[in-house]
Amino acid sequence: MRSGYRKDPDLTDEATYEGVRSLSRRGLLRLTAGAGAGLAAGAGGALAAAPAEAAAGIVKPLPPELFIEHGTNAEMRWEAMRGQGLLTPADRFFVRNHVATPLIDARTWRLKLWGSGLRGAPTEERPVEFSYADLLRLRAETITAFIECTGNGRGFYTAQQGQAVSGTPWRLGGVGVARWRGVRLSTVLRLAGLTREAVDILPRGLDAEYVDKGENLGRVRRPLPVAKAMKDVLLAYEMNGAPLPPDHGHPVRLVVPSWTGIASIKWLGDVQVAAEPLFSPWNTRFYRLFGPGHPEEGSAPLTRTNVKSAFELPWDAPLPARAHVLRGRSWSGSGRIRRTEVSVDGGATWRPARILDRHPNPRGWVRWEFPWTPRTAGRYELLARSTDETGASQPATAPYNTLGYLFGAVVRHPVTIA
């Protein structure tokens, strides 16, 4: 089998990569239907060591002025970003958990690598291991990048488009930008003995097993093509200059720039490296587009995030009748934001916003501002839309899918002038 990372740079895009997996439609339907115990076993079974202990829910405080709670998840309130600079402080960074945040001791933690894509094909029982101290001794790199839940904006499918979807009803607060420090995944893969035959890796977290409608799907895990893993993925152990907090992946997490958040596995425990395609419920049952216009087995697995914009305002904000400077942020998984426009009349007219960051980070967001003096008191809908360097822009409506992923339409943000 040809090398996934030396000869196929296009395979960093999983829609292209999916086409060379040689997985038949019938085979995928079987996997999707049986995405529980069978897939869990196929993905490597249970980890040899469980987390030291598990916390109940989310560890950090969730003050209501900073967060909207959604069960095991916590959405950042956008007004909490006013005056915060480019980075999202850890105390207001959103939390996306499938189950409870585990508490893991870095001193006893080990990263285990195994599988047919490594020299000697180490097994799960006899893996190649790296301790936390081992990672700290390797050359460190720092990147600034956003992580975004794939369902960010999901609530607007219903609230704005009148369409029923399943999942956490996020507005736009399921995203955050941080400065991540750690070791390139490519460095560790090479040290572990990556072969030219390697095609896929399967990172897996140390949080508890996830049960969906009574079915145990095992620990959260999602395949990555080796091409992407070797390109720009980070094994992060610091966030904004401090060790990772528990809710954000302590002691080590993946950061997969520009890809949907599910790829950035938290509390990383092991990585299977395979000379054949790998699958899990998180790239067969979930994180595909299902519904009208999509195949029965769904779209290709979702990878890059789309373009979004948000105002740094409370939802349904009351504003005094005076001049305002509206501020917000825009981001895209496909590159730098080139243009942002704002409408203060519900979309009837649009004017350019002023981009505040002269050299936008393609992995982060840009800040912008827009002066506005309302003419009369009353209720308004503020709209912001952006275009990235590839020409991708925000449409008036988002194409429907039943799981409510990748809402990228212009959001109508209500405010009341009194």
Protein backbone atom coordinates (compact mmCIF):
# COMPACT_ATOMS: atom_id res chain seq x y z
CA MET A 1 0.00 0.00 0.00
CA ARG A 2 1.35 3.45 -0.86
CA SER A 3 2.38 5.86 1.85
CA GLY A 4 -0.38 8.08 3.16
CA TYR A 5 1.93 10.93 4.14
CA ARG A 6 4.80 11.05 1.66
CA LYS A 7 3.02 10.68 -1.68
CA ASP A 8 -0.51 11.95 -1.06
CA PRO A 9 -0.52 15.54 0.23
CA ASP A 10 -4.15 15.91 -0.91
CA LEU A 11 -5.13 13.42 1.76
CA THR A 12 -5.04 16.19 4.36
CA ASP A 13 -8.55 16.86 3.04
CA GLU A 14 -10.63 13.94 4.28
CA ALA A 15 -13.27 14.28 1.57
CA THR A 16 -10.53 13.42 -0.96
CA TYR A 17 -8.99 10.90 1.41
CA GLU A 18 -12.35 9.16 1.81
CA GLY A 19 -12.33 8.33 -1.90
CA VAL A 20 -9.21 6.16 -1.60
CA ARG A 21 -10.32 4.22 1.46
CA SER A 22 -11.85 1.47 -0.69
CA LEU A 23 -14.79 1.22 1.67
CA SER A 24 -17.90 0.06 -0.15
CA ARG A 25 -21.26 1.70 0.40
CA ARG A 26 -22.57 -1.60 1.77
CA GLY A 27 -19.60 -1.95 4.11
CA LEU A 28 -20.07 1.53 5.48
CA LEU A 29 -23.76 0.88 6.10
CA ARG A 30 -22.81 -2.22 8.08
CA LEU A 31 -20.31 -0.21 10.12
CA THR A 32 -22.77 2.59 10.76
CA ALA A 33 -25.48 0.17 11.86
CA GLY A 34 -23.11 -1.69 14.16
CA ALA A 35 -21.13 1.22 15.49
CA GLY A 36 -21.21 -0.03 19.06
CA ALA A 37 -19.39 -3.02 20.49
CA GLY A 38 -18.12 -4.24 17.12
CA LEU A 39 -16.52 -0.92 16.24
CA ALA A 40 -15.16 -0.48 19.73
CA ALA A 41 -13.39 -3.80 19.46
CA GLY A 42 -12.23 -3.03 15.93
CA ALA A 43 -10.76 0.25 17.11
CA GLY A 44 -8.64 -1.41 19.74
CA GLY A 45 -11.00 -2.32 22.56
CA ALA A 46 -10.70 -0.92 26.09
CA LEU A 47 -7.59 0.88 27.22
CA ALA A 48 -5.29 -0.99 29.53
CA ALA A 49 -5.41 1.77 32.13
CA ALA A 50 -8.44 3.83 33.13
CA PRO A 51 -8.25 7.45 34.34
CA ALA A 52 -7.12 7.89 37.92
CA GLU A 53 -10.52 9.29 38.87
CA ALA A 54 -13.43 10.99 37.17
CA ALA A 55 -14.95 14.32 38.04
CA ALA A 56 -18.68 14.86 38.02
CA GLY A 57 -19.38 16.94 34.94
CA ILE A 58 -17.18 20.01 34.41
CA VAL A 59 -14.40 20.95 36.84
CA LYS A 60 -14.00 24.71 36.41
CA PRO A 61 -16.54 27.26 37.69
CA LEU A 62 -19.29 28.18 35.23
CA PRO A 63 -20.48 31.65 36.29
CA PRO A 64 -23.67 32.54 34.42
CA GLU A 65 -22.19 35.80 33.16
CA LEU A 66 -19.58 33.77 31.24
CA PHE A 67 -21.36 30.56 30.26
CA ILE A 68 -24.60 28.96 29.15
CA GLU A 69 -24.71 25.41 30.51
CA HIS A 70 -25.82 22.54 28.27
CA GLY A 71 -25.59 19.39 30.41
CA THR A 72 -21.99 18.15 30.11
CA ASN A 73 -21.17 21.13 27.87
CA ALA A 74 -20.71 24.84 28.54
CA GLU A 75 -21.09 27.55 25.90
CA MET A 76 -19.14 30.79 26.12
CA ARG A 77 -21.22 33.97 26.18
CA TRP A 78 -19.90 36.24 23.45
CA GLU A 79 -20.10 39.37 25.59
CA ALA A 80 -17.44 37.72 27.78
CA MET A 81 -14.91 38.30 24.98
CA ARG A 82 -15.16 42.09 25.01
CA GLY A 83 -11.72 43.53 25.68
CA GLN A 84 -10.04 40.12 25.89
CA GLY A 85 -7.54 40.46 23.04
CA LEU A 86 -7.02 37.69 20.51
CA LEU A 87 -6.98 34.78 22.94
CA THR A 88 -9.89 33.23 24.82
CA PRO A 89 -8.93 32.98 28.51
CA ALA A 90 -9.17 29.46 29.89
CA ASP A 91 -11.77 30.56 32.44
CA ARG A 92 -14.24 31.33 29.63
CA PHE A 93 -13.16 28.83 26.95
CA PHE A 94 -16.12 26.64 25.95
CA VAL A 95 -16.30 23.02 27.15
CA ARG A 96 -17.44 20.15 24.92
CA ASN A 97 -17.55 16.85 26.82
CA HIS A 98 -19.16 13.59 25.79
CA VAL A 99 -19.10 12.50 29.44
CA ALA A 100 -17.46 13.93 32.60
CA THR A 101 -14.06 15.60 32.73
CA PRO A 102 -11.50 13.05 34.02
CA LEU A 103 -8.79 14.01 36.50
CA ILE A 104 -5.50 12.49 35.36
CA ASP A 105 -2.12 12.56 37.11
CA ALA A 106 0.56 13.68 34.64
CA ARG A 107 3.22 11.81 36.63
CA THR A 108 1.67 8.42 35.89
CA TRP A 109 0.18 9.29 32.49
CA ARG A 110 1.59 7.55 29.43
CA LEU A 111 0.96 8.08 25.72
CA LYS A 112 0.82 4.66 24.05
CA LEU A 113 1.38 4.12 20.33
CA TRP A 114 0.77 0.81 18.64
CA GLY A 115 -0.41 -0.83 15.43
CA SER A 116 0.53 -2.16 12.01
CA GLY A 117 1.76 1.23 10.81
CA LEU A 118 4.74 1.21 13.18
CA ARG A 119 8.00 -0.73 12.85
CA GLY A 120 7.66 -4.10 14.49
CA ALA A 121 3.87 -3.63 14.76
CA PRO A 122 3.76 -3.08 18.53
CA THR A 123 0.53 -4.27 20.08
CA GLU A 124 -1.88 -2.52 22.42
CA GLU A 125 -0.57 -4.75 25.22
CA ARG A 126 3.06 -3.91 24.35
CA PRO A 127 2.99 -0.39 22.90
CA VAL A 128 5.65 2.24 22.40
CA GLU A 129 5.26 4.60 25.37
CA PHE A 130 6.06 8.25 26.09
CA SER A 131 5.76 9.81 29.53
CA TYR A 132 4.84 13.43 30.19
CA ALA A 133 8.49 14.09 31.03
CA ASP A 134 9.52 12.50 27.71
CA LEU A 135 7.34 14.99 25.81
CA LEU A 136 8.73 17.93 27.80
CA ARG A 137 12.24 16.93 26.71
CA LEU A 138 11.34 17.09 23.02
CA ARG A 139 11.45 20.25 20.95
CA ALA A 140 8.41 22.37 21.75
CA GLU A 141 6.35 24.41 19.30
CA THR A 142 3.64 26.98 19.86
CA ILE A 143 0.65 27.67 17.63
CA THR A 144 -2.33 29.95 18.02
CA ALA A 145 -5.45 28.26 16.72
CA PHE A 146 -9.17 28.06 17.26
CA ILE A 147 -11.02 24.93 18.27
CA GLU A 148 -14.70 24.82 17.39
CA CYS A 149 -17.44 22.32 18.10
CA THR A 150 -18.84 20.90 14.85
CA GLY A 151 -22.33 21.73 16.12
CA ASN A 152 -21.52 25.37 16.89
CA GLY A 153 -24.54 27.41 15.76
CA ARG A 154 -26.79 24.33 15.75
CA GLY A 155 -29.55 26.13 17.65
CA PHE A 156 -30.13 28.42 14.67
CA TYR A 157 -31.34 25.58 12.47
CA THR A 158 -34.44 25.61 14.68
CA ALA A 159 -34.57 29.20 15.97
CA GLN A 160 -33.79 30.85 12.63
CA GLN A 161 -34.73 28.30 9.96
CA GLY A 162 -37.53 26.39 11.71
CA GLN A 163 -35.85 23.00 11.21
CA ALA A 164 -35.67 20.23 13.80
CA VAL A 165 -32.17 18.88 14.53
CA SER A 166 -30.69 16.75 17.30
CA GLY A 167 -27.83 17.67 19.61
CA THR A 168 -26.74 20.51 21.88
CA PRO A 169 -28.47 23.76 20.79
CA TRP A 170 -25.34 25.94 20.68
CA ARG A 171 -25.64 29.51 19.49
CA LEU A 172 -22.14 30.66 18.48
CA GLY A 173 -20.23 30.17 21.74
CA GLY A 174 -18.81 26.72 20.98
CA VAL A 175 -15.50 28.15 19.77
CA GLY A 176 -12.34 29.58 21.30
CA VAL A 177 -8.84 30.65 20.28
CA ALA A 178 -5.84 29.74 22.44
CA ARG A 179 -2.07 29.68 22.26
CA TRP A 180 -1.15 26.00 22.42
CA ARG A 181 2.33 24.70 23.24
CA GLY A 182 3.52 21.15 22.84
CA VAL A 183 5.25 18.69 20.54
CA ARG A 184 4.43 18.01 16.93
CA LEU A 185 2.61 14.72 16.54
CA SER A 186 4.85 14.01 13.56
CA THR A 187 7.90 14.05 15.86
CA VAL A 188 6.43 11.42 18.17
CA LEU A 189 5.17 9.27 15.29
CA ARG A 190 8.64 9.20 13.77
CA LEU A 191 10.24 8.34 17.11
CA ALA A 192 7.72 5.53 17.52
CA GLY A 193 8.74 4.06 14.16
CA LEU A 194 6.19 5.26 11.60
CA THR A 195 6.42 3.23 8.39
CA ARG A 196 5.78 4.22 4.79
CA GLU A 197 2.77 1.90 4.79
CA ALA A 198 0.93 3.85 7.50
CA VAL A 199 -2.43 5.21 6.33
CA ASP A 200 -4.47 6.16 9.39
CA ILE A 201 -4.04 7.02 13.02
CA LEU A 202 -6.77 6.63 15.65
CA PRO A 203 -6.25 8.88 18.71
CA ARG A 204 -8.34 7.92 21.73
CA GLY A 205 -9.18 9.84 24.89
CA LEU A 206 -9.03 8.78 28.54
CA ASP A 207 -12.51 10.01 29.43
CA ALA A 208 -15.12 7.41 30.33
CA GLU A 209 -16.82 5.25 27.72
CA TYR A 210 -19.67 6.97 25.91
CA VAL A 211 -23.11 5.37 25.94
CA ASP A 212 -25.58 6.44 23.25
CA LYS A 213 -29.20 5.33 23.70
CA GLY A 214 -28.09 2.42 25.84
CA GLU A 215 -25.29 1.35 23.49
CA ASN A 216 -21.69 1.51 24.71
CA LEU A 217 -19.59 3.09 21.95
CA GLY A 218 -16.34 2.99 23.90
CA ARG A 219 -13.98 5.87 24.48
CA VAL A 220 -14.09 8.90 22.19
CA ARG A 221 -11.80 8.36 19.19
CA ARG A 222 -11.74 9.54 15.60
CA PRO A 223 -9.39 8.59 12.76
CA LEU A 224 -7.05 11.05 11.09
CA PRO A 225 -5.21 10.43 7.83
CA VAL A 226 -1.48 10.15 8.40
CA ALA A 227 -1.02 13.00 5.90
CA LYS A 228 -2.83 15.42 8.22
CA ALA A 229 -1.15 14.01 11.32
CA MET A 230 2.28 14.66 9.79
CA LYS A 231 1.40 18.14 8.56
CA ASP A 232 0.46 20.39 11.48
CA VAL A 233 -1.10 18.46 14.40
CA LEU A 234 0.17 19.29 17.88
CA LEU A 235 0.37 17.21 21.07
CA ALA A 236 -0.44 20.14 23.34
CA TYR A 237 0.36 20.27 27.04
CA GLU A 238 -0.01 24.03 27.58
CA MET A 239 -2.83 26.48 26.92
CA ASN A 240 -2.20 30.24 27.01
CA GLY A 241 1.10 29.77 28.82
CA ALA A 242 -0.08 27.40 31.56
CA PRO A 243 -0.54 23.61 31.82
CA LEU A 244 -3.78 22.43 30.24
CA PRO A 245 -6.71 22.71 32.66
CA PRO A 246 -8.63 19.46 33.26
CA ASP A 247 -11.64 20.51 31.17
CA HIS A 248 -9.40 21.27 28.21
CA GLY A 249 -7.45 18.04 28.06
CA HIS A 250 -4.88 17.78 30.87
CA PRO A 251 -2.30 16.41 30.65
CA VAL A 252 -2.08 16.20 26.82
CA ARG A 253 -4.56 16.77 24.01
CA LEU A 254 -4.46 16.95 20.24
CA VAL A 255 -4.83 20.26 18.48
CA VAL A 256 -5.80 19.75 14.84
CA PRO A 257 -5.77 23.24 13.29
CA SER A 258 -8.74 24.33 11.17
CA TRP A 259 -10.55 20.98 11.51
CA THR A 260 -13.75 20.40 13.41
CA GLY A 261 -13.29 20.12 17.17
CA ILE A 262 -13.94 16.37 17.40
CA ALA A 263 -10.53 15.79 15.77
CA SER A 264 -8.74 17.53 18.67
CA ILE A 265 -9.09 14.64 21.10
CA LYS A 266 -8.75 15.65 24.77
CA TRP A 267 -7.05 13.62 27.53
CA LEU A 268 -5.13 11.68 24.90
CA GLY A 269 -4.32 8.15 26.03
CA ASP A 270 -3.27 6.11 23.03
CA VAL A 271 -2.84 6.30 19.26
CA GLN A 272 -3.36 3.36 16.97
CA VAL A 273 -1.26 3.67 13.80
CA ALA A 274 -2.49 1.44 11.00
CA ALA A 275 -1.53 0.34 7.51
CA GLU A 276 -5.24 0.15 6.69
CA PRO A 277 -8.22 2.51 7.06
CA LEU A 278 -9.66 2.84 10.55
CA PHE A 279 -13.21 3.61 11.62
CA SER A 280 -15.15 4.55 14.72
CA PRO A 281 -18.64 5.85 15.48
CA TRP A 282 -17.14 9.34 15.36
CA ASN A 283 -16.48 9.15 11.63
CA THR A 284 -19.34 6.83 10.61
CA ARG A 285 -22.38 7.41 12.84
CA PHE A 286 -21.50 10.98 13.85
CA TYR A 287 -19.73 13.90 12.20
CA ARG A 288 -21.15 13.26 8.77
CA LEU A 289 -24.07 15.07 7.13
CA PHE A 290 -27.28 13.06 7.07
CA GLY A 291 -30.72 13.88 5.73
CA PRO A 292 -32.26 15.12 2.47
CA GLY A 293 -29.69 15.48 -0.29
CA HIS A 294 -27.14 13.21 1.38
CA PRO A 295 -26.42 9.49 0.78
CA GLU A 296 -27.88 6.97 3.20
CA GLU A 297 -24.45 6.51 4.78
CA GLY A 298 -24.02 10.26 5.03
CA SER A 299 -21.47 12.62 3.54
CA ALA A 300 -17.74 12.15 3.77
CA PRO A 301 -16.51 12.66 7.36
CA LEU A 302 -16.50 16.34 8.27
CA THR A 303 -13.13 18.01 8.48
CA ARG A 304 -12.71 21.75 7.96
CA THR A 305 -14.92 24.25 9.70
CA ASN A 306 -16.80 26.90 7.73
CA VAL A 307 -16.99 30.70 7.92
CA LYS A 308 -18.73 32.28 10.93
CA SER A 309 -19.11 35.72 12.51
CA ALA A 310 -20.30 36.77 15.96
CA PHE A 311 -21.03 40.03 17.74
CA GLU A 312 -19.50 40.62 21.18
CA LEU A 313 -22.96 41.38 22.54
CA PRO A 314 -25.41 39.63 24.83
CA TRP A 315 -28.17 37.81 23.00
CA ASP A 316 -31.21 40.09 22.82
CA ALA A 317 -29.07 42.87 24.28
CA PRO A 318 -30.72 46.06 25.60
CA LEU A 319 -28.76 49.08 24.29
CA PRO A 320 -29.15 52.77 25.10
CA ALA A 321 -30.25 55.20 22.38
CA ARG A 322 -26.85 56.67 21.51
CA ALA A 323 -23.89 56.08 19.21
CA HIS A 324 -22.32 52.61 19.46
CA VAL A 325 -19.27 50.82 18.15
CA LEU A 326 -20.32 47.26 17.42
CA ARG A 327 -17.50 44.75 17.81
CA GLY A 328 -17.18 41.14 16.82
CA ARG A 329 -14.99 38.35 15.46
CA SER A 330 -14.96 36.14 12.37
CA TRP A 331 -13.10 32.93 11.54
CA SER A 332 -12.85 30.14 8.96
CA GLY A 333 -11.24 26.72 8.70
CA SER A 334 -10.12 27.49 5.14
CA GLY A 335 -7.91 30.51 5.82
CA ARG A 336 -7.77 34.18 6.66
CA ILE A 337 -10.84 36.37 6.77
CA ARG A 338 -10.55 38.99 4.04
CA ARG A 339 -13.79 40.95 4.45
CA THR A 340 -16.59 41.42 6.98
CA GLU A 341 -19.80 43.31 6.33
CA VAL A 342 -22.47 44.39 8.80
CA SER A 343 -26.18 45.09 8.36
CA VAL A 344 -28.15 46.99 11.01
CA ASP A 345 -31.46 46.80 9.14
CA GLY A 346 -32.04 43.06 9.05
CA GLY A 347 -30.07 42.48 5.84
CA ALA A 348 -31.61 45.17 3.64
CA THR A 349 -28.27 46.98 3.28
CA TRP A 350 -24.67 46.07 4.06
CA ARG A 351 -21.57 48.12 4.83
CA PRO A 352 -17.95 47.02 5.45
CA ALA A 353 -16.71 46.62 8.98
CA ARG A 354 -13.21 47.75 9.93
CA ILE A 355 -10.84 44.81 10.38
CA LEU A 356 -8.65 45.47 13.41
CA ASP A 357 -5.96 42.84 12.85
CA ARG A 358 -3.59 43.79 10.03
CA HIS A 359 -2.05 40.34 9.62
CA PRO A 360 -4.81 37.84 10.45
CA ASN A 361 -3.82 34.38 11.62
CA PRO A 362 -5.28 31.77 9.24
CA ARG A 363 -5.81 29.44 12.22
CA GLY A 364 -7.41 32.06 14.43
CA TRP A 365 -10.04 34.78 14.12
CA VAL A 366 -10.06 38.45 13.23
CA ARG A 367 -11.56 41.24 15.27
CA TRP A 368 -13.64 43.95 13.63
CA GLU A 369 -15.69 46.98 14.57
CA PHE A 370 -18.58 48.92 13.07
CA PRO A 371 -19.92 52.35 14.14
CA TRP A 372 -23.70 52.55 14.51
CA THR A 373 -26.07 55.26 15.63
CA PRO A 374 -29.63 53.91 15.73
CA ARG A 375 -32.19 56.32 14.28
CA THR A 376 -35.09 55.32 16.52
CA ALA A 377 -35.84 53.23 19.56
CA GLY A 378 -37.13 49.72 19.03
CA ARG A 379 -36.02 46.22 18.09
CA TYR A 380 -33.27 45.58 15.55
CA GLU A 381 -31.59 42.56 14.02
CA LEU A 382 -27.84 42.94 13.57
CA LEU A 383 -26.17 40.76 10.93
CA ALA A 384 -22.50 40.14 10.18
CA ARG A 385 -21.15 38.13 7.27
CA SER A 386 -17.56 37.39 6.30
CA THR A 387 -15.57 36.09 3.35
CA ASP A 388 -12.30 34.20 3.65
CA GLU A 389 -9.28 34.14 1.36
CA THR A 390 -10.69 31.22 -0.65
CA GLY A 391 -13.81 33.23 -1.50
CA ALA A 392 -16.04 31.21 0.85
CA SER A 393 -18.70 33.41 2.41
CA GLN A 394 -21.69 33.12 4.72
CA PRO A 395 -25.01 32.38 3.00
CA ALA A 396 -28.43 33.63 4.05
CA THR A 397 -29.47 30.09 5.05
CA ALA A 398 -27.54 26.95 5.95
CA PRO A 399 -28.13 23.66 4.09
CA TYR A 400 -30.08 21.33 6.37
CA ASN A 401 -28.71 18.17 7.96
CA THR A 402 -30.42 16.17 10.70
CA LEU A 403 -27.55 16.38 13.22
CA GLY A 404 -27.26 20.14 12.87
CA TYR A 405 -23.59 20.34 11.94
CA LEU A 406 -21.72 23.25 10.35
CA PHE A 407 -24.31 26.00 10.59
CA GLY A 408 -22.57 28.72 8.61
CA ALA A 409 -25.38 31.08 7.67
CA VAL A 410 -25.57 34.71 8.70
CA VAL A 411 -26.97 34.88 12.24
CA ARG A 412 -29.67 37.44 13.06
CA HIS A 413 -28.63 38.91 16.41
CA PRO A 414 -31.50 40.74 18.15
CA VAL A 415 -30.99 43.92 20.16
CA THR A 416 -33.43 46.47 21.58
CA ILE A 417 -32.73 50.21 21.61
CA ALA A 418 -34.44 51.96 24.52
